[in-house]
Amino acid sequence: MTIHLPAFGLPVHPRTGLTALGLRRNGAPIWPVLGASPDDPADPPGDPGTAPPPADPADLGEAGKQAIDRMKLERNAARTELRDAKTRLAALEKAEQDRADADKSEAEKRTAAEQRAQAAELRATKLDVAFDKGLTPAQAKRLVGATREELEADADEVLRDFPAVAAANGSRTPKQDPSQGARGGAALSGRDAGLAEAQKRFGKKPAAI
């Protein structure tokens, strides 16, 4: 095999045409390996790795420095506006929460007052029905019902189912209504009607006048 030597002294391979990388000590050429990757090309223009450093404000001139100052002022103003907006938003949210809590408190107070009024009215109705039926205040507390009609019906059941209660209160037998007259006899006089009404109300016959 014939090896051609260029003018600079390194041989050229007769088949590949590649120039030897150098010569060994014994004079044998060092051939480049086919398929090896070539040297990395230079970074293209605009590559971040080779981007030039930011310009020094001193190199921008007076106009450039004024532009940077304006940008800083606008940035600070925007930050101040954002901070103020957040403060106003927090204040509005707190005011809304306070109003909601106040409305809830008022509603709870109103509901509690209505419940107390209803309970007081029911107690008064129980006492009124107990008085009409000849029951004691202690027995009135045991009456069950939400209306006067229901309480009266419950009182009648008590008197019917527990005759001892009716006997103890003097109301075991129904009292005659003076306006309807005596059963099987003549109508009661005004005095007798008053005595009968008193006996109906108080459970005992008052002393004769």
N, C-alpha and C. Protein backbone atom coordinates (compact mmCIF):
# COMPACT_ATOMS: atom_id res chain seq x y z
N MET A 1 0.86 -1.18 0.00
CA MET A 1 0.00 0.00 0.00
C MET A 1 0.89 1.23 0.00
N THR A 2 0.55 2.15 -0.90
CA THR A 2 1.34 3.36 -1.01
C THR A 2 0.69 4.46 -0.20
N ILE A 3 1.44 5.13 0.61
CA ILE A 3 0.94 6.23 1.44
C ILE A 3 1.51 7.53 0.89
N HIS A 4 0.59 8.43 0.62
CA HIS A 4 0.99 9.72 0.07
C HIS A 4 1.26 10.68 1.21
N LEU A 5 2.33 11.40 1.15
CA LEU A 5 2.70 12.36 2.17
C LEU A 5 2.50 13.76 1.63
N PRO A 6 1.63 14.54 2.31
CA PRO A 6 1.45 15.91 1.87
C PRO A 6 2.68 16.74 2.18
N ALA A 7 2.58 17.99 1.78
CA ALA A 7 3.74 18.86 1.94
C ALA A 7 4.07 19.07 3.40
N PHE A 8 3.04 19.05 4.29
CA PHE A 8 3.30 19.29 5.71
C PHE A 8 3.73 18.04 6.43
N GLY A 9 3.85 16.88 5.73
CA GLY A 9 4.48 15.72 6.30
C GLY A 9 3.58 14.65 6.84
N LEU A 10 2.24 14.81 6.94
CA LEU A 10 1.33 13.79 7.44
C LEU A 10 0.75 13.03 6.26
N PRO A 11 0.70 11.71 6.36
CA PRO A 11 0.23 10.91 5.22
C PRO A 11 -1.29 11.02 5.03
N VAL A 12 -1.74 10.70 3.81
CA VAL A 12 -3.17 10.69 3.46
C VAL A 12 -3.54 9.26 3.13
N HIS A 13 -4.64 8.79 3.70
CA HIS A 13 -5.05 7.39 3.49
C HIS A 13 -5.48 7.24 2.04
N PRO A 14 -5.02 6.18 1.38
CA PRO A 14 -5.33 6.03 -0.05
C PRO A 14 -6.80 5.70 -0.33
N ARG A 15 -7.53 5.13 0.64
CA ARG A 15 -8.91 4.75 0.39
C ARG A 15 -9.90 5.82 0.90
N THR A 16 -9.70 6.26 2.14
CA THR A 16 -10.65 7.23 2.73
C THR A 16 -10.30 8.66 2.38
N GLY A 17 -9.04 8.87 2.01
CA GLY A 17 -8.63 10.23 1.70
C GLY A 17 -8.46 11.10 2.92
N LEU A 18 -8.49 10.49 4.13
CA LEU A 18 -8.35 11.25 5.37
C LEU A 18 -6.87 11.42 5.70
N THR A 19 -6.56 12.56 6.25
CA THR A 19 -5.19 12.84 6.65
C THR A 19 -4.95 12.28 8.03
N ALA A 20 -3.81 11.69 8.23
CA ALA A 20 -3.46 11.11 9.52
C ALA A 20 -3.40 12.20 10.58
N LEU A 21 -3.76 11.80 11.79
CA LEU A 21 -3.74 12.75 12.90
C LEU A 21 -2.31 12.99 13.40
N GLY A 22 -1.43 12.04 13.15
CA GLY A 22 -0.04 12.18 13.59
C GLY A 22 0.70 10.90 13.31
N LEU A 23 1.91 10.82 13.80
CA LEU A 23 2.74 9.66 13.61
C LEU A 23 3.16 9.09 14.95
N ARG A 24 3.18 7.77 15.01
CA ARG A 24 3.63 7.10 16.22
C ARG A 24 5.15 7.17 16.29
N ARG A 25 5.70 6.67 17.40
CA ARG A 25 7.14 6.70 17.58
C ARG A 25 7.87 5.86 16.53
N ASN A 26 7.18 4.79 16.14
CA ASN A 26 7.77 3.93 15.12
C ASN A 26 7.50 4.44 13.72
N GLY A 27 6.86 5.59 13.61
CA GLY A 27 6.60 6.18 12.31
C GLY A 27 5.28 5.80 11.70
N ALA A 28 4.47 4.90 12.35
CA ALA A 28 3.17 4.52 11.81
C ALA A 28 2.18 5.68 11.95
N PRO A 29 1.39 5.90 10.92
CA PRO A 29 0.43 7.02 11.00
C PRO A 29 -0.74 6.69 11.96
N ILE A 30 -1.29 7.71 12.56
CA ILE A 30 -2.49 7.57 13.42
C ILE A 30 -3.68 8.08 12.61
N TRP A 31 -4.48 7.10 12.17
CA TRP A 31 -5.63 7.45 11.30
C TRP A 31 -6.85 7.84 12.16
N PRO A 32 -7.66 8.80 11.69
CA PRO A 32 -8.92 9.15 12.39
C PRO A 32 -9.93 8.02 12.26
N VAL A 33 -10.76 7.81 13.32
CA VAL A 33 -11.77 6.74 13.33
C VAL A 33 -12.99 7.21 12.57
N LEU A 34 -13.39 6.38 11.62
CA LEU A 34 -14.61 6.72 10.85
C LEU A 34 -15.84 6.62 11.76
N GLY A 35 -16.78 7.56 11.63
CA GLY A 35 -18.03 7.56 12.43
C GLY A 35 -17.93 8.36 13.68
N ALA A 36 -16.74 8.82 14.01
CA ALA A 36 -16.64 9.64 15.22
C ALA A 36 -17.34 10.97 15.01
N SER A 37 -17.94 11.51 16.14
CA SER A 37 -18.67 12.78 16.02
C SER A 37 -17.71 13.91 15.79
N PRO A 38 -18.06 14.85 14.93
CA PRO A 38 -17.18 15.98 14.68
C PRO A 38 -17.17 16.92 15.87
N ASP A 39 -16.29 17.85 15.83
CA ASP A 39 -16.24 18.83 16.90
C ASP A 39 -17.54 19.61 16.95
N ASP A 40 -17.97 19.96 18.21
CA ASP A 40 -19.21 20.73 18.37
C ASP A 40 -19.06 22.06 17.68
N PRO A 41 -20.08 22.43 16.91
CA PRO A 41 -20.01 23.74 16.26
C PRO A 41 -20.14 24.84 17.30
N ALA A 42 -19.79 25.98 16.95
CA ALA A 42 -19.92 27.13 17.85
C ALA A 42 -21.38 27.38 18.14
N ASP A 43 -21.67 27.84 19.34
CA ASP A 43 -23.06 28.14 19.71
C ASP A 43 -23.63 29.15 18.73
N PRO A 44 -24.89 28.90 18.30
CA PRO A 44 -25.49 29.84 17.35
C PRO A 44 -25.74 31.18 18.01
N PRO A 45 -25.86 32.20 17.22
CA PRO A 45 -26.15 33.53 17.78
C PRO A 45 -27.47 33.51 18.54
N GLY A 46 -27.52 34.20 19.65
CA GLY A 46 -28.76 34.26 20.43
C GLY A 46 -28.91 33.13 21.41
N ASP A 47 -28.00 32.19 21.47
CA ASP A 47 -28.07 31.11 22.44
C ASP A 47 -27.96 31.68 23.84
N PRO A 48 -28.84 31.23 24.78
CA PRO A 48 -28.78 31.78 26.15
C PRO A 48 -27.44 31.57 26.80
N GLY A 49 -26.77 30.49 26.40
CA GLY A 49 -25.49 30.26 27.02
C GLY A 49 -24.44 31.29 26.65
N THR A 50 -24.66 31.93 25.53
CA THR A 50 -23.68 32.93 25.09
C THR A 50 -24.30 34.31 25.02
N ALA A 51 -25.51 34.47 25.66
CA ALA A 51 -26.17 35.78 25.60
C ALA A 51 -25.32 36.80 26.33
N PRO A 52 -25.24 37.96 25.79
CA PRO A 52 -24.43 38.99 26.44
C PRO A 52 -25.07 39.44 27.74
N PRO A 53 -24.30 39.86 28.68
CA PRO A 53 -24.87 40.34 29.96
C PRO A 53 -25.70 41.58 29.73
N PRO A 54 -26.66 41.82 30.66
CA PRO A 54 -27.49 43.02 30.49
C PRO A 54 -26.63 44.27 30.47
N ALA A 55 -27.15 45.22 29.72
CA ALA A 55 -26.39 46.45 29.56
C ALA A 55 -26.36 47.22 30.87
N ASP A 56 -25.29 47.83 31.12
CA ASP A 56 -25.13 48.67 32.29
C ASP A 56 -25.95 49.94 32.10
N PRO A 57 -26.82 50.30 33.11
CA PRO A 57 -27.61 51.53 32.94
C PRO A 57 -26.75 52.73 32.61
N ALA A 58 -25.52 52.69 33.05
CA ALA A 58 -24.66 53.85 32.75
C ALA A 58 -24.39 53.96 31.26
N ASP A 59 -24.53 52.78 30.54
CA ASP A 59 -24.27 52.81 29.10
C ASP A 59 -25.51 53.16 28.29
N LEU A 60 -26.69 53.27 28.95
CA LEU A 60 -27.92 53.57 28.22
C LEU A 60 -28.10 55.04 27.93
N GLY A 61 -27.38 55.85 28.57
CA GLY A 61 -27.53 57.28 28.37
C GLY A 61 -28.63 57.84 29.26
N GLU A 62 -28.83 59.13 29.17
CA GLU A 62 -29.83 59.80 30.01
C GLU A 62 -31.24 59.33 29.71
N ALA A 63 -31.58 59.13 28.44
CA ALA A 63 -32.92 58.68 28.06
C ALA A 63 -33.20 57.28 28.60
N GLY A 64 -32.19 56.39 28.54
CA GLY A 64 -32.38 55.04 29.04
C GLY A 64 -32.59 55.02 30.55
N LYS A 65 -31.82 55.83 31.27
CA LYS A 65 -31.98 55.89 32.73
C LYS A 65 -33.34 56.45 33.11
N GLN A 66 -33.85 57.43 32.36
CA GLN A 66 -35.18 57.97 32.66
C GLN A 66 -36.26 56.92 32.41
N ALA A 67 -36.07 56.13 31.35
CA ALA A 67 -37.05 55.08 31.06
C ALA A 67 -37.09 54.05 32.19
N ILE A 68 -35.90 53.67 32.70
CA ILE A 68 -35.84 52.71 33.80
C ILE A 68 -36.47 53.29 35.06
N ASP A 69 -36.23 54.56 35.32
CA ASP A 69 -36.84 55.20 36.50
C ASP A 69 -38.36 55.20 36.40
N ARG A 70 -38.89 55.47 35.19
CA ARG A 70 -40.35 55.47 35.02
C ARG A 70 -40.92 54.07 35.24
N MET A 71 -40.21 53.07 34.75
CA MET A 71 -40.67 51.69 34.96
C MET A 71 -40.70 51.33 36.45
N LYS A 72 -39.69 51.77 37.18
CA LYS A 72 -39.66 51.50 38.62
C LYS A 72 -40.81 52.21 39.33
N LEU A 73 -41.10 53.44 38.94
CA LEU A 73 -42.21 54.17 39.56
C LEU A 73 -43.54 53.48 39.27
N GLU A 74 -43.74 53.04 38.04
CA GLU A 74 -44.98 52.36 37.68
C GLU A 74 -45.11 51.03 38.44
N ARG A 75 -43.98 50.34 38.57
CA ARG A 75 -44.02 49.07 39.30
C ARG A 75 -44.38 49.30 40.76
N ASN A 76 -43.78 50.29 41.40
CA ASN A 76 -44.09 50.58 42.80
C ASN A 76 -45.52 51.03 42.97
N ALA A 77 -46.03 51.84 42.01
CA ALA A 77 -47.43 52.28 42.09
C ALA A 77 -48.38 51.10 41.96
N ALA A 78 -48.05 50.16 41.07
CA ALA A 78 -48.90 48.97 40.90
C ALA A 78 -48.91 48.12 42.17
N ARG A 79 -47.75 47.98 42.79
CA ARG A 79 -47.68 47.22 44.03
C ARG A 79 -48.49 47.89 45.13
N THR A 80 -48.42 49.22 45.22
CA THR A 80 -49.19 49.95 46.24
C THR A 80 -50.69 49.80 45.99
N GLU A 81 -51.09 49.89 44.73
CA GLU A 81 -52.52 49.74 44.39
C GLU A 81 -53.02 48.35 44.73
N LEU A 82 -52.19 47.33 44.45
CA LEU A 82 -52.58 45.96 44.78
C LEU A 82 -52.73 45.78 46.29
N ARG A 83 -51.81 46.33 47.06
CA ARG A 83 -51.88 46.22 48.52
C ARG A 83 -53.13 46.92 49.06
N ASP A 84 -53.45 48.11 48.52
CA ASP A 84 -54.65 48.82 48.97
C ASP A 84 -55.91 48.05 48.60
N ALA A 85 -55.92 47.45 47.40
CA ALA A 85 -57.10 46.67 46.99
C ALA A 85 -57.32 45.48 47.90
N LYS A 86 -56.24 44.81 48.29
CA LYS A 86 -56.38 43.68 49.21
C LYS A 86 -56.89 44.13 50.57
N THR A 87 -56.43 45.30 51.02
CA THR A 87 -56.89 45.82 52.31
C THR A 87 -58.38 46.14 52.26
N ARG A 88 -58.83 46.79 51.17
CA ARG A 88 -60.26 47.13 51.04
C ARG A 88 -61.10 45.86 50.95
N LEU A 89 -60.62 44.86 50.22
CA LEU A 89 -61.36 43.60 50.09
C LEU A 89 -61.51 42.92 51.45
N ALA A 90 -60.45 42.90 52.24
CA ALA A 90 -60.52 42.27 53.56
C ALA A 90 -61.51 43.01 54.46
N ALA A 91 -61.53 44.35 54.35
CA ALA A 91 -62.46 45.13 55.17
C ALA A 91 -63.91 44.85 54.76
N LEU A 92 -64.17 44.75 53.46
CA LEU A 92 -65.53 44.45 52.98
C LEU A 92 -65.97 43.06 53.44
N GLU A 93 -65.09 42.09 53.34
CA GLU A 93 -65.44 40.73 53.77
C GLU A 93 -65.75 40.69 55.26
N LYS A 94 -64.97 41.42 56.06
CA LYS A 94 -65.22 41.46 57.50
C LYS A 94 -66.56 42.13 57.80
N ALA A 95 -66.87 43.22 57.09
CA ALA A 95 -68.14 43.91 57.31
C ALA A 95 -69.32 43.00 56.96
N GLU A 96 -69.20 42.26 55.86
CA GLU A 96 -70.27 41.34 55.47
C GLU A 96 -70.44 40.23 56.51
N GLN A 97 -69.34 39.72 57.02
CA GLN A 97 -69.42 38.68 58.04
C GLN A 97 -70.06 39.21 59.32
N ASP A 98 -69.71 40.45 59.69
CA ASP A 98 -70.30 41.06 60.89
C ASP A 98 -71.81 41.23 60.72
N ARG A 99 -72.23 41.68 59.52
CA ARG A 99 -73.68 41.84 59.28
C ARG A 99 -74.38 40.49 59.34
N ALA A 100 -73.74 39.47 58.76
CA ALA A 100 -74.36 38.14 58.79
C ALA A 100 -74.50 37.64 60.22
N ASP A 101 -73.47 37.86 61.04
CA ASP A 101 -73.54 37.43 62.44
C ASP A 101 -74.62 38.20 63.19
N ALA A 102 -74.74 39.51 62.90
CA ALA A 102 -75.75 40.33 63.58
C ALA A 102 -77.15 39.88 63.18
N ASP A 103 -77.35 39.60 61.89
CA ASP A 103 -78.67 39.15 61.43
C ASP A 103 -79.01 37.81 62.07
N LYS A 104 -78.02 36.93 62.17
CA LYS A 104 -78.27 35.63 62.79
C LYS A 104 -78.62 35.79 64.26
N SER A 105 -77.93 36.69 64.95
CA SER A 105 -78.20 36.91 66.36
C SER A 105 -79.61 37.46 66.57
N GLU A 106 -80.00 38.43 65.72
CA GLU A 106 -81.34 39.00 65.84
C GLU A 106 -82.41 37.95 65.56
N ALA A 107 -82.17 37.12 64.55
CA ALA A 107 -83.14 36.08 64.23
C ALA A 107 -83.28 35.09 65.39
N GLU A 108 -82.15 34.74 66.01
CA GLU A 108 -82.21 33.82 67.14
C GLU A 108 -82.95 34.45 68.32
N LYS A 109 -82.70 35.74 68.56
CA LYS A 109 -83.42 36.41 69.65
C LYS A 109 -84.92 36.46 69.38
N ARG A 110 -85.29 36.77 68.14
CA ARG A 110 -86.71 36.84 67.79
C ARG A 110 -87.37 35.48 67.95
N THR A 111 -86.68 34.42 67.51
CA THR A 111 -87.24 33.08 67.64
C THR A 111 -87.41 32.70 69.11
N ALA A 112 -86.42 33.02 69.93
CA ALA A 112 -86.51 32.70 71.36
C ALA A 112 -87.67 33.46 72.01
N ALA A 113 -87.85 34.73 71.63
CA ALA A 113 -88.94 35.52 72.21
C ALA A 113 -90.30 34.94 71.80
N GLU A 114 -90.42 34.52 70.54
CA GLU A 114 -91.68 33.93 70.09
C GLU A 114 -91.97 32.63 70.83
N GLN A 115 -90.93 31.83 71.05
CA GLN A 115 -91.13 30.57 71.78
C GLN A 115 -91.54 30.83 73.23
N ARG A 116 -90.95 31.84 73.86
CA ARG A 116 -91.35 32.16 75.24
C ARG A 116 -92.80 32.64 75.29
N ALA A 117 -93.19 33.45 74.30
CA ALA A 117 -94.57 33.95 74.26
C ALA A 117 -95.56 32.80 74.07
N GLN A 118 -95.21 31.87 73.18
CA GLN A 118 -96.10 30.72 72.95
C GLN A 118 -96.20 29.85 74.20
N ALA A 119 -95.08 29.65 74.90
CA ALA A 119 -95.12 28.83 76.12
C ALA A 119 -95.95 29.51 77.20
N ALA A 120 -95.82 30.84 77.32
CA ALA A 120 -96.60 31.55 78.32
C ALA A 120 -98.09 31.50 78.00
N GLU A 121 -98.41 31.63 76.72
CA GLU A 121 -99.82 31.56 76.32
C GLU A 121 -100.39 30.18 76.59
N LEU A 122 -99.60 29.13 76.34
CA LEU A 122 -100.08 27.77 76.58
C LEU A 122 -100.30 27.53 78.06
N ARG A 123 -99.38 28.03 78.92
CA ARG A 123 -99.57 27.87 80.36
C ARG A 123 -100.85 28.58 80.83
N ALA A 124 -101.09 29.78 80.31
CA ALA A 124 -102.29 30.51 80.70
C ALA A 124 -103.55 29.76 80.26
N THR A 125 -103.51 29.19 79.06
CA THR A 125 -104.68 28.45 78.56
C THR A 125 -104.92 27.20 79.39
N LYS A 126 -103.85 26.52 79.80
CA LYS A 126 -104.01 25.34 80.65
C LYS A 126 -104.67 25.70 81.98
N LEU A 127 -104.24 26.78 82.59
CA LEU A 127 -104.82 27.20 83.86
C LEU A 127 -106.28 27.59 83.68
N ASP A 128 -106.57 28.26 82.57
CA ASP A 128 -107.96 28.67 82.32
C ASP A 128 -108.85 27.44 82.15
N VAL A 129 -108.38 26.46 81.38
CA VAL A 129 -109.17 25.23 81.17
C VAL A 129 -109.31 24.47 82.48
N ALA A 130 -108.23 24.39 83.25
CA ALA A 130 -108.29 23.68 84.53
C ALA A 130 -109.29 24.34 85.46
N PHE A 131 -109.33 25.67 85.47
CA PHE A 131 -110.29 26.37 86.32
C PHE A 131 -111.72 26.05 85.90
N ASP A 132 -111.95 26.05 84.58
CA ASP A 132 -113.30 25.76 84.09
C ASP A 132 -113.71 24.32 84.38
N LYS A 133 -112.74 23.39 84.35
CA LYS A 133 -113.08 21.98 84.54
C LYS A 133 -112.98 21.56 86.01
N GLY A 134 -112.57 22.45 86.88
CA GLY A 134 -112.49 22.10 88.29
C GLY A 134 -111.21 21.38 88.67
N LEU A 135 -110.15 21.55 87.89
CA LEU A 135 -108.87 20.93 88.21
C LEU A 135 -107.98 21.92 88.95
N THR A 136 -107.00 21.39 89.65
CA THR A 136 -106.07 22.24 90.39
C THR A 136 -104.95 22.73 89.45
N PRO A 137 -104.23 23.77 89.85
CA PRO A 137 -103.09 24.23 89.04
C PRO A 137 -102.05 23.14 88.81
N ALA A 138 -101.82 22.26 89.81
CA ALA A 138 -100.87 21.17 89.61
C ALA A 138 -101.35 20.21 88.55
N GLN A 139 -102.69 19.93 88.55
CA GLN A 139 -103.26 19.05 87.54
C GLN A 139 -103.26 19.73 86.16
N ALA A 140 -103.33 21.05 86.16
CA ALA A 140 -103.33 21.78 84.89
C ALA A 140 -102.03 21.58 84.14
N LYS A 141 -100.92 21.44 84.87
CA LYS A 141 -99.63 21.26 84.22
C LYS A 141 -99.55 19.95 83.45
N ARG A 142 -100.41 18.98 83.83
CA ARG A 142 -100.37 17.67 83.20
C ARG A 142 -101.27 17.57 81.97
N LEU A 143 -102.01 18.61 81.71
CA LEU A 143 -102.87 18.59 80.53
C LEU A 143 -102.02 18.62 79.27
N VAL A 144 -102.49 17.89 78.25
CA VAL A 144 -101.76 17.77 76.98
C VAL A 144 -102.61 18.35 75.87
N GLY A 145 -101.97 19.19 75.05
CA GLY A 145 -102.69 19.79 73.93
C GLY A 145 -102.03 21.09 73.52
N ALA A 146 -102.25 21.48 72.25
CA ALA A 146 -101.67 22.72 71.74
C ALA A 146 -102.71 23.81 71.59
N THR A 147 -103.99 23.45 71.64
CA THR A 147 -105.07 24.43 71.52
C THR A 147 -106.00 24.29 72.71
N ARG A 148 -106.89 25.25 72.85
CA ARG A 148 -107.84 25.19 73.97
C ARG A 148 -108.75 23.98 73.83
N GLU A 149 -109.18 23.69 72.61
CA GLU A 149 -110.06 22.55 72.39
C GLU A 149 -109.38 21.24 72.80
N GLU A 150 -108.10 21.08 72.42
CA GLU A 150 -107.39 19.86 72.79
C GLU A 150 -107.20 19.76 74.30
N LEU A 151 -106.93 20.87 74.96
CA LEU A 151 -106.77 20.86 76.41
C LEU A 151 -108.09 20.53 77.11
N GLU A 152 -109.19 21.07 76.62
CA GLU A 152 -110.49 20.77 77.22
C GLU A 152 -110.83 19.30 77.06
N ALA A 153 -110.52 18.74 75.87
CA ALA A 153 -110.79 17.32 75.65
C ALA A 153 -109.94 16.46 76.58
N ASP A 154 -108.70 16.84 76.78
CA ASP A 154 -107.83 16.08 77.68
C ASP A 154 -108.32 16.18 79.12
N ALA A 155 -108.80 17.34 79.52
CA ALA A 155 -109.33 17.50 80.87
C ALA A 155 -110.56 16.64 81.08
N ASP A 156 -111.42 16.55 80.08
CA ASP A 156 -112.60 15.70 80.19
C ASP A 156 -112.20 14.23 80.33
N GLU A 157 -111.12 13.82 79.60
CA GLU A 157 -110.67 12.44 79.71
C GLU A 157 -110.13 12.17 81.12
N VAL A 158 -109.44 13.13 81.68
CA VAL A 158 -108.92 12.96 83.04
C VAL A 158 -110.06 12.77 84.03
N LEU A 159 -111.08 13.60 83.91
CA LEU A 159 -112.21 13.50 84.83
C LEU A 159 -112.98 12.20 84.63
N ARG A 160 -113.02 11.72 83.38
CA ARG A 160 -113.76 10.50 83.10
C ARG A 160 -112.98 9.26 83.52
N ASP A 161 -111.68 9.26 83.26
CA ASP A 161 -110.86 8.07 83.53
C ASP A 161 -110.43 7.99 85.00
N PHE A 162 -110.41 9.13 85.69
CA PHE A 162 -110.00 9.14 87.10
C PHE A 162 -111.10 9.81 87.93
N PRO A 163 -112.12 9.05 88.26
CA PRO A 163 -113.24 9.63 89.02
C PRO A 163 -112.78 10.23 90.35
N ALA A 164 -111.72 9.67 90.93
CA ALA A 164 -111.27 10.21 92.22
C ALA A 164 -110.85 11.66 92.08
N VAL A 165 -110.31 12.03 90.93
CA VAL A 165 -109.92 13.42 90.71
C VAL A 165 -111.15 14.30 90.69
N ALA A 166 -112.16 13.84 89.96
CA ALA A 166 -113.38 14.63 89.89
C ALA A 166 -114.03 14.74 91.26
N ALA A 167 -114.02 13.64 92.03
CA ALA A 167 -114.64 13.69 93.35
C ALA A 167 -113.87 14.61 94.28
N ALA A 168 -112.55 14.57 94.19
CA ALA A 168 -111.75 15.42 95.08
C ALA A 168 -111.94 16.89 94.76
N ASN A 169 -112.22 17.18 93.51
CA ASN A 169 -112.41 18.58 93.11
C ASN A 169 -113.86 19.02 93.13
N GLY A 170 -114.73 18.11 93.50
CA GLY A 170 -116.14 18.45 93.55
C GLY A 170 -116.75 18.63 92.18
N SER A 171 -116.22 17.96 91.22
CA SER A 171 -116.76 18.14 89.86
C SER A 171 -117.00 16.79 89.20
N ARG A 172 -117.37 15.80 89.96
CA ARG A 172 -117.60 14.48 89.39
C ARG A 172 -118.79 14.46 88.47
N THR A 173 -119.88 15.17 88.85
CA THR A 173 -121.07 15.24 88.00
C THR A 173 -121.11 16.60 87.34
N PRO A 174 -121.49 16.68 86.12
CA PRO A 174 -121.53 17.97 85.43
C PRO A 174 -122.52 18.92 86.09
N LYS A 175 -122.15 20.17 86.14
CA LYS A 175 -122.99 21.20 86.73
C LYS A 175 -124.03 21.67 85.71
N GLN A 176 -125.17 22.03 86.21
CA GLN A 176 -126.23 22.51 85.34
C GLN A 176 -125.93 23.93 84.86
N ASP A 177 -126.28 24.17 83.63
CA ASP A 177 -126.12 25.50 83.06
C ASP A 177 -127.34 26.31 83.46
N PRO A 178 -127.20 27.40 84.24
CA PRO A 178 -128.36 28.18 84.69
C PRO A 178 -129.20 28.70 83.54
N SER A 179 -128.57 28.94 82.41
CA SER A 179 -129.34 29.49 81.29
C SER A 179 -130.28 28.47 80.70
N GLN A 180 -130.02 27.16 80.97
CA GLN A 180 -130.87 26.12 80.42
C GLN A 180 -131.96 25.70 81.39
N GLY A 181 -131.91 26.17 82.65
CA GLY A 181 -132.92 25.82 83.63
C GLY A 181 -132.62 24.49 84.27
N ALA A 182 -133.28 24.22 85.38
CA ALA A 182 -133.08 22.96 86.10
C ALA A 182 -133.61 21.82 85.28
N ARG A 183 -132.87 20.67 85.32
CA ARG A 183 -133.31 19.53 84.55
C ARG A 183 -134.59 18.97 85.15
N GLY A 184 -135.60 18.86 84.33
CA GLY A 184 -136.87 18.29 84.75
C GLY A 184 -137.64 19.19 85.68
N GLY A 185 -137.30 20.48 85.80
CA GLY A 185 -138.03 21.35 86.71
C GLY A 185 -138.10 22.75 86.15
N ALA A 186 -138.47 23.68 86.99
CA ALA A 186 -138.61 25.07 86.56
C ALA A 186 -137.24 25.72 86.47
N ALA A 187 -137.19 26.82 85.75
CA ALA A 187 -135.95 27.57 85.60
C ALA A 187 -135.50 28.12 86.93
N LEU A 188 -134.17 28.20 87.12
CA LEU A 188 -133.64 28.71 88.37
C LEU A 188 -133.84 30.21 88.45
N SER A 189 -133.98 30.64 89.71
CA SER A 189 -134.07 32.08 89.91
C SER A 189 -132.69 32.70 89.74
N GLY A 190 -132.63 34.02 89.75
CA GLY A 190 -131.33 34.69 89.59
C GLY A 190 -130.38 34.32 90.71
N ARG A 191 -130.90 34.25 91.94
CA ARG A 191 -130.04 33.90 93.08
C ARG A 191 -129.53 32.48 92.95
N ASP A 192 -130.44 31.54 92.59
CA ASP A 192 -130.03 30.14 92.44
C ASP A 192 -129.05 29.97 91.28
N ALA A 193 -129.29 30.73 90.23
CA ALA A 193 -128.38 30.66 89.08
C ALA A 193 -126.99 31.14 89.46
N GLY A 194 -126.90 32.19 90.26
CA GLY A 194 -125.60 32.68 90.71
C GLY A 194 -124.89 31.67 91.58
N LEU A 195 -125.67 31.02 92.50
CA LEU A 195 -125.06 30.00 93.35
C LEU A 195 -124.57 28.82 92.53
N ALA A 196 -125.35 28.45 91.54
CA ALA A 196 -124.94 27.33 90.69
C ALA A 196 -123.68 27.67 89.90
N GLU A 197 -123.60 28.89 89.40
CA GLU A 197 -122.41 29.32 88.66
C GLU A 197 -121.18 29.37 89.57
N ALA A 198 -121.37 29.83 90.81
CA ALA A 198 -120.26 29.88 91.75
C ALA A 198 -119.78 28.47 92.08
N GLN A 199 -120.77 27.57 92.25
CA GLN A 199 -120.39 26.19 92.53
C GLN A 199 -119.65 25.57 91.35
N LYS A 200 -120.07 25.93 90.14
CA LYS A 200 -119.39 25.42 88.93
C LYS A 200 -117.97 25.93 88.85
N ARG A 201 -117.80 27.20 89.21
CA ARG A 201 -116.48 27.83 89.08
C ARG A 201 -115.52 27.37 90.17
N PHE A 202 -115.99 27.33 91.41
CA PHE A 202 -115.10 27.12 92.54
C PHE A 202 -115.19 25.72 93.12
N GLY A 203 -116.09 24.90 92.62
CA GLY A 203 -116.14 23.50 93.04
C GLY A 203 -116.84 23.28 94.37
N LYS A 204 -117.40 24.27 94.97
CA LYS A 204 -118.15 24.07 96.21
C LYS A 204 -119.26 25.11 96.29
N LYS A 205 -120.26 24.81 97.04
CA LYS A 205 -121.42 25.68 97.14
C LYS A 205 -121.13 26.77 98.17
N PRO A 206 -121.22 28.04 97.79
CA PRO A 206 -120.96 29.11 98.76
C PRO A 206 -122.05 29.19 99.82
N ALA A 207 -121.72 29.84 100.89
CA ALA A 207 -122.70 29.99 101.99
C ALA A 207 -123.86 30.82 101.51
N ALA A 208 -125.07 30.47 102.01
CA ALA A 208 -126.26 31.19 101.60
C ALA A 208 -126.24 32.61 102.11
N ILE A 209 -126.72 33.53 101.30
CA ILE A 209 -126.77 34.93 101.67
C ILE A 209 -128.09 35.24 102.29
